Amino acid sequence: MSDAERGVAVGVMLSSNDDLPRGIAGRGCALRSSDRSWPHRRRTASYRRRCGDLAVKRWRHPFTGLEVRFGCSTLERWYYAARNADDPVRALRNHVRRDIGRFPSISSAAAQALAEQYRQHPAWTAQLHADNLRVTLAAASEGRCPSYPSVRRYLKAQGMRRQRPVRRQSAGAIAARDRVESREVRSYEVEHVLQLLHLDFHHGSRKVLTRRGEWIKPLLVGFIDDRSRYLCHAQWYGSEGTEQLVHGLCQALQKVGLPRSLMSDRGSAMIAAEFTAGLHTLGILHVPTLPYSPHVNGKQENLWARVEGRLLAMLEGEASLTLEQLNLATQAWVTQEYHRTEHREIGETPLERYLAGPNVGRECPASEALRGAFRIEVKRRQRRSDGTVSLEGQRFEIPSRYRHLGEVHLRYARWDLSRVDLIAARSGTILSPCARSTKRPTPMPCADAWSRPPQRHRCRRAASHRSSNR
C-alpha cells in the first residue's frame, strides 16, 4: 500500500477536505470555514460509513514512521476542533496536559513524609520509600496511600535520587558528598594543547610475573592532555611511589615538553616534597583535586576503562605475562590504536587534535636537569670533629673549604643518595657535591669488655703466678 492510499499523518491527521466524510464536505463545511456555530451532529448512514473508512485507514506517523490508526470519535473531535478555529493546524497540535508536573495522588502529608524519609535515608530505593510511606500514613490515618509508580515519579521530579552510601564516614568524605549535592557539576575543557595535563595511578586487574618469580598486580601511571586526550606517556610499575611517579613524569616531559599545569589527586606520591619541589622548579602549576572527588579528574578515569576493556582484554591468552612484556604491549597499543582511533566527544583522533594545536608547551630541559629538579632541601648541622653530616642514616663529608659553616643546606632525593649537593642557603646555588664518608665508625665496646680485664693484664697475672710457684 502506498502513502497516497494509506495517508500520511503530518502535523494534523486531517490535512485537506478530501479526508472529510463526503456527506459533511458536500455541505460546504471546510477546515477553514468562518462559521463559528456548532454544527448539527446528525450521524447519517453516509457519515458513519465515511468515518468508518477513515478509521480503518492506516496512517504513517511523521516522527516514528510507524503505521497508526484512529477511532471515529477521535476523527470527529479533530474535525470540529479544526472547524471552529482560525488556525486548524495549531488547534490540532499536541497540547500540554493541564495536570503535568502535579501529583494529585500525593497529599501534603505524604510529601512531607517522603521528604523526611529522604533526608534521613538518602540511600533507600524508591520501593523502600513507598513501603515505609504506606506504614507511616496508615499509622497517622491520613487516608489513601499513593502507589509505587506515583512515589517513584514524585521522587524523580523532586530530585530525590538514590545516593550511594559513603564508604568512609570521615569529615572529608561527608563534605565531598554534600558538595556534589549542593553545587552544579559541569564538564570542562581547556583551549590549548599542554595547557593542562591529567595524572593518575591505576591498579591493574591482571597479575604479572616479576624477575623474582612472584605474581603481583602492577600499577599504571598515565599522563593525558586535557584538550586533545593525547596520552603523553603510560608505564606500568610494581609499586606506587614518588620515585616511580617522577620517573614516568620525566619521560612524559621529554616526549611532549613542559605543560602549563598538572592535575592530580592527593595521593602520597603526588604531594611528596620531591614532586612538588620539582614542579615548582620547572614552572608547572600543580592543581590537586578536591578530596574524595574523582569526577574532577574524569578524563583520566575514562582512560582506565579503555585500558581494562581493550588492552588487558587482548592479553588474556598470555599465561606468563611479565612487566616488560606488559609495558611493550602498552606502548604499541597507545601508538597504534589509542592515538589513531576517533574520539566520540572531540570528533577526531587524539593525534590529529594534538598536532592541530594551538600548543602552549615549553621546551623540556635535559635529563640531568630534570633529575636535579625533583629533590628536597634540608638543613643539617656539621660535625666539627670530622666535617661530616648525617643524612638518611648515612654520613656525608663536607668539603674542607666549607668547614667554617655550622649549618649546611643539602639537596637530594630520598630514593637516590648517589647525588647529594651542598647549596647556598639564600640563593639556592649548588656549591659542591658531597661525597659519602668512607670512614668506619669506631665500634662500641661490648658488655664483656667492661666486666673482665684486658687480655694482656690476664697474661701478666698468669706469668707472675707461675713465677711465684716456682
Protein backbone atom coordinates (compact mmCIF):
# COMPACT_ATOMS: atom_id res chain seq x y z
CA MET A 1 0.00 0.00 0.00
CA SER A 2 1.44 3.38 -0.99
CA ASP A 3 1.48 6.57 1.09
CA ALA A 4 -1.28 8.07 -1.06
CA GLU A 5 -3.54 5.09 -0.41
CA ARG A 6 -2.97 4.84 3.32
CA GLY A 7 -2.34 8.57 4.04
CA VAL A 8 0.47 10.33 5.84
CA ALA A 9 -0.19 11.92 9.23
CA VAL A 10 1.85 15.14 9.24
CA GLY A 11 1.03 17.85 11.76
CA VAL A 12 -2.73 17.35 11.67
CA MET A 13 -4.14 14.00 10.77
CA LEU A 14 -6.86 15.51 8.52
CA SER A 15 -4.98 17.96 6.35
CA SER A 16 -7.43 18.51 3.47
CA ASN A 17 -11.14 18.46 2.62
CA ASP A 18 -10.65 15.19 0.75
CA ASP A 19 -10.13 13.40 4.06
CA LEU A 20 -13.51 14.57 5.39
CA PRO A 21 -16.65 12.46 5.09
CA ARG A 22 -18.38 13.13 1.80
CA GLY A 23 -21.66 13.96 3.45
CA ILE A 24 -20.05 16.67 5.57
CA ALA A 25 -17.70 18.04 2.92
CA GLY A 26 -20.55 18.40 0.44
CA ARG A 27 -22.41 20.79 2.73
CA GLY A 28 -19.69 23.43 2.43
CA CYS A 29 -18.01 22.54 5.74
CA ALA A 30 -14.32 23.19 5.02
CA LEU A 31 -11.46 23.13 7.52
CA ARG A 32 -11.04 26.91 7.32
CA SER A 33 -14.72 27.79 7.40
CA SER A 34 -15.61 31.07 9.06
CA ASP A 35 -18.77 29.61 10.51
CA ARG A 36 -18.49 29.71 14.34
CA SER A 37 -21.76 27.92 15.07
CA TRP A 38 -21.62 24.40 16.41
CA PRO A 39 -22.77 22.08 13.59
CA HIS A 40 -25.69 19.77 13.94
CA ARG A 41 -24.25 16.36 14.67
CA ARG A 42 -26.63 14.22 12.74
CA ARG A 43 -24.86 10.97 12.10
CA THR A 44 -26.31 9.75 8.85
CA ALA A 45 -25.51 6.42 7.29
CA SER A 46 -23.07 8.01 4.83
CA TYR A 47 -21.38 9.94 7.67
CA ARG A 48 -20.84 6.79 9.71
CA ARG A 49 -19.66 4.92 6.66
CA ARG A 50 -17.13 7.62 5.77
CA CYS A 51 -15.83 7.85 9.34
CA GLY A 52 -15.51 4.11 9.42
CA ASP A 53 -13.47 4.18 6.22
CA LEU A 54 -11.10 6.75 7.72
CA ALA A 55 -10.84 4.80 10.96
CA VAL A 56 -9.84 1.63 9.09
CA LYS A 57 -7.29 3.51 7.03
CA ARG A 58 -3.67 3.29 8.15
CA TRP A 59 -1.56 6.41 8.60
CA ARG A 60 2.19 6.83 8.82
CA HIS A 61 3.37 8.64 11.94
CA PRO A 62 5.50 11.67 10.97
CA PHE A 63 8.05 11.13 13.75
CA THR A 64 8.36 7.40 14.32
CA GLY A 65 7.42 6.23 10.82
CA LEU A 66 5.13 3.55 12.24
CA GLU A 67 1.62 2.83 10.99
CA VAL A 68 -1.15 4.09 13.26
CA ARG A 69 -4.99 4.14 13.17
CA PHE A 70 -7.54 6.46 14.81
CA GLY A 71 -11.06 5.83 16.01
CA CYS A 72 -14.21 7.54 14.74
CA SER A 73 -14.63 9.56 17.92
CA THR A 74 -11.07 10.89 17.60
CA LEU A 75 -11.56 11.90 13.97
CA GLU A 76 -14.83 13.62 14.78
CA ARG A 77 -13.31 15.55 17.68
CA TRP A 78 -10.42 16.70 15.47
CA TYR A 79 -12.81 17.80 12.73
CA TYR A 80 -14.97 20.01 14.91
CA ALA A 81 -11.89 21.43 16.71
CA ALA A 82 -10.40 22.48 13.37
CA ARG A 83 -13.72 23.80 12.03
CA ASN A 84 -14.15 26.35 14.82
CA ALA A 85 -10.53 27.59 14.92
CA ASP A 86 -8.76 30.30 12.94
CA ASP A 87 -5.69 28.08 12.62
CA PRO A 88 -6.67 24.43 12.19
CA VAL A 89 -3.06 23.22 12.36
CA ARG A 90 -2.46 24.94 15.65
CA ALA A 91 -5.74 23.66 17.02
CA LEU A 92 -4.79 20.08 16.25
CA ARG A 93 -1.31 20.24 17.70
CA ASN A 94 -0.39 18.29 20.82
CA HIS A 95 -1.34 20.27 23.91
CA VAL A 96 0.39 20.15 27.24
CA ARG A 97 -1.59 18.39 29.87
CA ARG A 98 -3.06 20.66 32.49
CA ASP A 99 -2.01 18.39 35.34
CA ILE A 100 1.56 17.95 34.15
CA GLY A 101 4.07 18.39 36.97
CA ARG A 102 1.33 17.88 39.55
CA PHE A 103 0.76 14.83 41.66
CA PRO A 104 -2.89 14.63 42.77
CA SER A 105 -2.30 11.30 44.48
CA ILE A 106 0.49 12.74 46.64
CA SER A 107 -1.10 14.59 49.54
CA SER A 108 0.72 17.19 51.62
CA ALA A 109 1.18 14.69 54.43
CA ALA A 110 2.67 12.14 52.03
CA ALA A 111 5.00 14.77 50.53
CA GLN A 112 6.26 15.77 53.98
CA ALA A 113 6.76 12.15 54.98
CA LEU A 114 8.73 11.42 51.81
CA ALA A 115 10.93 14.49 52.31
CA GLU A 116 11.68 13.45 55.89
CA GLN A 117 12.43 9.87 54.85
CA TYR A 118 14.79 11.01 52.11
CA ARG A 119 16.59 13.39 54.46
CA GLN A 120 17.25 10.61 56.95
CA HIS A 121 17.81 7.76 54.47
CA PRO A 122 19.08 9.04 51.10
CA ALA A 123 20.37 5.58 50.15
CA TRP A 124 16.93 3.94 50.17
CA THR A 125 15.34 2.74 46.97
CA ALA A 126 12.02 4.08 45.69
CA GLN A 127 10.33 0.80 46.60
CA LEU A 128 11.58 1.04 50.17
CA HIS A 129 10.35 4.64 50.41
CA ALA A 130 6.91 3.58 49.15
CA ASP A 131 6.67 0.72 51.66
CA ASN A 132 7.64 2.92 54.60
CA LEU A 133 5.31 5.67 53.40
CA ARG A 134 2.42 3.21 53.46
CA VAL A 135 3.18 2.32 57.08
CA THR A 136 3.59 5.96 58.08
CA LEU A 137 0.28 7.08 56.54
CA ALA A 138 -1.56 4.10 57.96
CA ALA A 139 -0.31 4.90 61.45
CA ALA A 140 -1.35 8.55 61.11
CA SER A 141 -4.70 7.69 59.46
CA GLU A 142 -4.03 10.07 56.59
CA GLY A 143 -6.14 8.23 54.07
CA ARG A 144 -5.18 6.50 50.87
CA CYS A 145 -1.50 5.85 50.19
CA PRO A 146 -0.13 6.61 46.69
CA SER A 147 1.06 3.75 44.52
CA TYR A 148 4.66 2.85 43.91
CA PRO A 149 4.80 4.39 40.36
CA SER A 150 3.44 7.67 41.76
CA VAL A 151 6.03 7.67 44.54
CA ARG A 152 8.82 6.90 42.09
CA ARG A 153 7.76 9.69 39.71
CA TYR A 154 7.42 12.14 42.59
CA LEU A 155 10.90 11.34 43.93
CA LYS A 156 12.39 11.74 40.47
CA ALA A 157 10.59 15.04 39.85
CA GLN A 158 11.80 16.45 43.18
CA GLY A 159 15.41 15.42 42.53
CA MET A 160 15.39 12.87 45.34
CA ARG A 161 17.61 10.36 43.63
CA ARG A 162 19.17 7.45 45.39
CA GLN A 163 22.60 8.24 46.78
CA ARG A 164 25.33 5.72 47.25
CA PRO A 165 26.31 5.23 50.88
CA VAL A 166 29.61 6.81 51.89
CA ARG A 167 32.22 4.12 52.41
CA ARG A 168 34.28 6.22 54.76
CA GLN A 169 32.37 8.09 57.43
CA SER A 170 35.04 10.77 57.67
CA ALA A 171 34.56 14.51 57.63
CA GLY A 172 36.18 14.83 54.20
CA ALA A 173 34.01 12.15 52.60
CA ILE A 174 30.82 13.61 54.01
CA ALA A 175 31.84 17.12 52.91
CA ALA A 176 32.56 15.86 49.38
CA ARG A 177 29.13 14.22 49.18
CA ASP A 178 27.39 17.37 50.38
CA ARG A 179 29.38 19.48 47.93
CA VAL A 180 28.27 17.38 44.97
CA GLU A 181 24.63 17.57 46.09
CA SER A 182 24.55 21.31 46.67
CA ARG A 183 26.62 22.52 43.73
CA GLU A 184 26.39 22.12 40.00
CA VAL A 185 28.93 19.83 38.36
CA ARG A 186 29.89 20.57 34.76
CA SER A 187 32.40 19.17 32.31
CA TYR A 188 35.27 21.35 31.17
CA GLU A 189 37.97 21.52 28.51
CA VAL A 190 40.90 23.92 28.16
CA GLU A 191 41.53 25.88 24.97
CA HIS A 192 45.17 24.97 24.27
CA VAL A 193 47.23 21.81 23.99
CA LEU A 194 49.53 21.21 27.00
CA GLN A 195 47.66 23.81 28.99
CA LEU A 196 46.60 21.08 31.41
CA LEU A 197 47.82 17.51 31.92
CA HIS A 198 45.98 14.89 33.96
CA LEU A 199 47.90 12.42 36.12
CA ASP A 200 46.77 9.34 37.99
CA PHE A 201 47.73 5.80 39.03
CA HIS A 202 45.61 2.78 38.11
CA HIS A 203 45.67 -0.62 39.81
CA GLY A 204 45.62 -3.21 37.05
CA SER A 205 43.34 -6.22 37.22
CA ARG A 206 45.88 -8.58 35.62
CA LYS A 207 48.77 -10.08 37.57
CA VAL A 208 52.26 -10.14 36.09
CA LEU A 209 55.34 -12.25 36.80
CA THR A 210 58.37 -10.47 38.24
CA ARG A 211 62.03 -11.41 37.90
CA ARG A 212 61.92 -12.88 41.39
CA GLY A 213 59.23 -15.30 40.29
CA GLU A 214 56.45 -13.53 42.20
CA TRP A 215 52.97 -12.65 40.94
CA ILE A 216 52.00 -9.04 41.59
CA LYS A 217 49.33 -6.62 40.40
CA PRO A 218 51.07 -3.76 38.59
CA LEU A 219 50.13 -0.10 38.65
CA LEU A 220 49.84 2.07 35.55
CA VAL A 221 50.75 5.75 35.65
CA GLY A 222 49.38 7.86 32.80
CA PHE A 223 49.66 11.47 31.68
CA ILE A 224 46.89 12.65 29.34
CA ASP A 225 46.41 16.06 27.71
CA ASP A 226 43.09 17.69 28.57
CA ARG A 227 42.27 19.26 25.19
CA SER A 228 43.42 16.57 22.75
CA ARG A 229 43.16 13.45 25.02
CA TYR A 230 46.66 12.66 23.79
CA LEU A 231 48.36 10.13 26.06
CA CYS A 232 51.79 11.62 26.64
CA HIS A 233 53.19 8.60 28.46
CA ALA A 234 51.96 5.44 30.17
CA GLN A 235 54.05 2.90 32.04
CA TRP A 236 53.47 0.03 34.45
CA TYR A 237 55.33 -0.23 37.75
CA GLY A 238 55.42 -2.63 40.64
CA SER A 239 54.58 -0.01 43.28
CA GLU A 240 53.11 3.46 43.64
CA GLY A 241 55.85 5.70 44.96
CA THR A 242 57.37 9.09 44.35
CA GLU A 243 60.34 7.54 42.54
CA GLN A 244 58.07 5.79 40.03
CA LEU A 245 55.95 8.91 39.58
CA VAL A 246 58.95 11.14 38.90
CA HIS A 247 60.42 8.57 36.52
CA GLY A 248 57.22 8.43 34.48
CA LEU A 249 56.71 12.20 34.51
CA CYS A 250 60.24 12.86 33.26
CA GLN A 251 59.62 10.58 30.29
CA ALA A 252 56.34 12.33 29.51
CA LEU A 253 58.00 15.75 29.68
CA GLN A 254 60.81 14.66 27.38
CA LYS A 255 58.25 13.46 24.84
CA VAL A 256 55.91 16.47 24.64
CA GLY A 257 57.56 19.29 26.60
CA LEU A 258 56.64 21.22 29.74
CA PRO A 259 52.91 21.85 30.29
CA ARG A 260 51.43 24.88 31.98
CA SER A 261 49.66 22.96 34.75
CA LEU A 262 49.25 19.42 36.06
CA MET A 263 46.17 17.99 37.79
CA SER A 264 46.34 15.01 40.14
CA ASP A 265 44.66 13.66 43.23
CA ARG A 266 46.04 13.98 46.73
CA GLY A 267 47.89 10.68 46.91
CA SER A 268 51.05 10.35 48.97
CA ALA A 269 53.26 10.31 45.88
CA MET A 270 51.54 13.37 44.35
CA ILE A 271 52.00 15.55 47.44
CA ALA A 272 55.54 14.37 48.27
CA ALA A 273 58.12 17.09 48.80
CA GLU A 274 60.33 15.98 45.88
CA PHE A 275 57.42 16.01 43.42
CA THR A 276 56.02 19.40 44.42
CA ALA A 277 59.50 20.94 44.54
CA GLY A 278 60.25 19.67 41.04
CA LEU A 279 57.04 21.12 39.62
CA HIS A 280 57.86 24.46 41.25
CA THR A 281 61.38 24.43 39.81
CA LEU A 282 60.11 23.66 36.29
CA GLY A 283 57.37 26.28 36.47
CA ILE A 284 54.45 23.83 36.31
CA LEU A 285 51.34 24.74 38.30
CA HIS A 286 50.14 21.83 40.44
CA VAL A 287 46.33 21.63 40.62
CA PRO A 288 45.27 18.97 43.16
CA THR A 289 41.69 17.73 43.01
CA LEU A 290 39.23 18.07 45.87
CA PRO A 291 39.29 15.27 48.46
CA TYR A 292 37.04 12.31 47.63
CA SER A 293 36.14 13.82 44.24
CA PRO A 294 37.40 11.51 41.47
CA HIS A 295 34.93 13.01 38.99
CA VAL A 296 37.10 16.14 38.80
CA ASN A 297 39.76 14.02 37.05
CA GLY A 298 37.15 12.25 34.93
CA LYS A 299 39.13 12.20 31.68
CA GLN A 300 41.81 10.13 33.38
CA GLU A 301 39.24 7.78 34.90
CA ASN A 302 37.71 7.25 31.46
CA LEU A 303 41.12 6.21 30.13
CA TRP A 304 41.37 3.40 32.68
CA ALA A 305 38.11 1.91 31.39
CA ARG A 306 39.61 1.70 27.90
CA VAL A 307 42.79 0.15 29.26
CA GLU A 308 40.85 -2.58 31.03
CA GLY A 309 38.37 -3.15 28.22
CA ARG A 310 40.81 -3.06 25.30
CA LEU A 311 44.44 -3.52 26.29
CA LEU A 312 44.23 -6.04 29.11
CA ALA A 313 41.41 -7.92 27.39
CA MET A 314 43.68 -8.62 24.40
CA LEU A 315 46.35 -10.10 26.70
CA GLU A 316 44.14 -12.77 28.25
CA GLY A 317 45.82 -15.51 26.23
CA GLU A 318 49.27 -14.70 27.61
CA ALA A 319 49.77 -17.05 30.54
CA SER A 320 53.14 -15.86 31.86
CA LEU A 321 52.91 -12.12 31.32
CA THR A 322 55.91 -10.18 32.61
CA LEU A 323 56.15 -6.49 33.46
CA GLU A 324 58.45 -5.85 30.50
CA GLN A 325 56.04 -7.54 28.08
CA LEU A 326 53.12 -5.56 29.50
CA ASN A 327 54.94 -2.25 29.04
CA LEU A 328 55.89 -3.18 25.48
CA ALA A 329 52.30 -4.09 24.63
CA THR A 330 51.05 -0.88 26.26
CA GLN A 331 53.30 1.33 24.13
CA ALA A 332 52.19 -0.49 20.97
CA TRP A 333 48.51 -0.12 21.91
CA VAL A 334 48.87 3.58 22.69
CA THR A 335 50.66 4.48 19.45
CA GLN A 336 48.81 2.18 17.07
CA GLU A 337 45.25 2.16 18.40
CA TYR A 338 44.51 4.78 21.05
CA HIS A 339 46.10 7.74 19.27
CA ARG A 340 44.60 6.74 15.91
CA THR A 341 41.02 5.99 17.00
CA GLU A 342 38.42 8.73 16.67
CA HIS A 343 37.27 10.11 19.99
CA ARG A 344 33.47 10.42 20.08
CA GLU A 345 33.49 13.56 22.21
CA ILE A 346 36.01 15.61 20.21
CA GLY A 347 35.10 14.15 16.80
CA GLU A 348 38.69 13.35 15.75
CA THR A 349 41.65 11.26 16.83
CA PRO A 350 43.80 12.42 19.76
CA LEU A 351 46.85 12.57 17.49
CA GLU A 352 45.13 14.84 14.97
CA ARG A 353 43.89 17.24 17.62
CA TYR A 354 47.25 17.30 19.36
CA LEU A 355 49.04 18.22 16.14
CA ALA A 356 46.39 20.81 15.22
CA GLY A 357 47.12 22.82 18.38
CA PRO A 358 47.32 25.56 19.45
CA ASN A 359 50.20 24.35 21.61
CA VAL A 360 51.43 26.32 24.63
CA GLY A 361 54.05 23.78 25.75
CA ARG A 362 57.62 24.76 26.53
CA GLU A 363 60.91 23.12 25.72
CA CYS A 364 61.93 20.41 28.15
CA PRO A 365 65.38 20.67 29.80
CA ALA A 366 67.99 17.92 29.62
CA SER A 367 67.75 14.68 31.56
CA GLU A 368 70.32 15.76 34.16
CA ALA A 369 68.38 18.97 34.83
CA LEU A 370 65.15 17.03 35.24
CA ARG A 371 66.85 14.66 37.64
CA GLY A 372 68.17 17.54 39.71
CA ALA A 373 64.82 19.32 39.85
CA PHE A 374 62.88 16.68 41.77
CA ARG A 375 64.80 16.89 45.05
CA ILE A 376 64.19 18.29 48.50
CA GLU A 377 66.26 20.75 50.51
CA VAL A 378 67.16 20.06 54.13
CA LYS A 379 69.35 21.72 56.77
CA ARG A 380 71.92 19.78 58.78
CA ARG A 381 74.49 20.66 61.46
CA GLN A 382 78.09 19.92 60.51
CA ARG A 383 80.15 17.87 62.93
CA ARG A 384 83.36 19.74 63.71
CA SER A 385 85.45 16.68 64.53
CA ASP A 386 85.46 15.17 61.04
CA GLY A 387 83.41 17.62 58.89
CA THR A 388 80.53 15.23 58.14
CA VAL A 389 76.73 15.38 58.30
CA SER A 390 74.15 12.67 58.85
CA LEU A 391 71.58 12.10 56.09
CA GLU A 392 69.08 9.22 55.95
CA GLY A 393 71.21 7.20 58.38
CA GLN A 394 74.44 7.73 56.43
CA ARG A 395 77.29 10.19 56.81
CA PHE A 396 78.49 12.53 54.07
CA GLU A 397 81.68 14.55 54.01
CA ILE A 398 81.56 18.32 53.56
CA PRO A 399 84.46 19.80 51.52
CA SER A 400 87.17 21.25 53.73
CA ARG A 401 86.71 24.79 52.38
CA TYR A 402 83.23 24.84 53.95
CA ARG A 403 84.35 23.61 57.37
CA HIS A 404 83.57 27.02 58.84
CA LEU A 405 79.83 26.60 58.24
CA GLY A 406 78.00 25.47 61.34
CA GLU A 407 74.80 24.58 59.46
CA VAL A 408 74.74 23.45 55.85
CA HIS A 409 71.88 23.13 53.33
CA LEU A 410 71.71 19.95 51.26
CA ARG A 411 69.60 18.99 48.26
CA TYR A 412 68.87 15.35 47.47
CA ALA A 413 66.20 12.77 46.61
CA ARG A 414 65.37 10.27 49.30
CA TRP A 415 65.42 7.35 46.89
CA ASP A 416 68.78 8.32 45.34
CA LEU A 417 71.65 9.15 47.73
CA SER A 418 74.27 8.95 44.99
CA ARG A 419 73.80 12.66 44.33
CA VAL A 420 73.80 14.99 47.34
CA ASP A 421 74.68 18.64 46.69
CA LEU A 422 75.72 21.38 49.06
CA ILE A 423 73.80 24.55 48.18
CA ALA A 424 73.83 28.19 49.24
CA ALA A 425 71.23 28.96 51.86
CA ARG A 426 69.90 32.16 50.28
CA SER A 427 70.35 31.79 46.52
CA GLY A 428 69.98 28.01 46.20
CA THR A 429 73.09 27.78 44.01
CA ILE A 430 74.93 24.47 44.08
CA LEU A 431 78.27 24.97 45.84
CA SER A 432 79.75 21.50 45.74
CA PRO A 433 78.70 17.85 45.70
CA CYS A 434 79.02 15.93 48.92
CA ALA A 435 80.80 12.60 48.95
CA ARG A 436 79.73 9.67 51.05
CA SER A 437 82.06 9.20 54.01
CA THR A 438 84.37 6.17 53.84
CA LYS A 439 85.42 6.30 57.49
CA ARG A 440 84.26 3.39 59.51
CA PRO A 441 82.70 4.27 62.82
CA THR A 442 84.53 3.29 65.98
CA PRO A 443 82.97 0.08 67.31
CA MET A 444 81.36 0.32 70.70
CA PRO A 445 82.85 -1.93 73.40
CA CYS A 446 80.79 -4.94 74.20
CA ALA A 447 79.40 -5.75 77.64
CA ASP A 448 82.05 -8.38 78.34
CA ALA A 449 84.83 -5.85 77.84
CA TRP A 450 83.74 -3.94 80.91
CA SER A 451 83.24 -6.99 83.11
CA ARG A 452 86.67 -8.54 82.57
CA PRO A 453 90.18 -7.08 82.39
CA PRO A 454 92.06 -6.85 79.12
CA GLN A 455 93.82 -9.92 77.79
CA ARG A 456 97.32 -8.54 78.40
CA HIS A 457 96.57 -7.98 82.09
CA ARG A 458 95.47 -11.54 82.47
CA CYS A 459 98.68 -12.67 80.81
CA ARG A 460 100.81 -10.63 83.23
CA ARG A 461 98.94 -12.01 86.22
CA ALA A 462 99.29 -15.54 84.95
CA ALA A 463 103.03 -15.05 84.37
CA SER A 464 103.61 -13.68 87.91
CA HIS A 465 101.61 -16.53 89.38
CA ARG A 466 103.71 -19.09 87.57
CA SER A 467 106.97 -17.44 88.73
CA SER A 468 105.84 -17.43 92.40
CA ASN A 469 105.00 -21.10 92.25
CA ARG A 470 108.47 -21.86 91.03
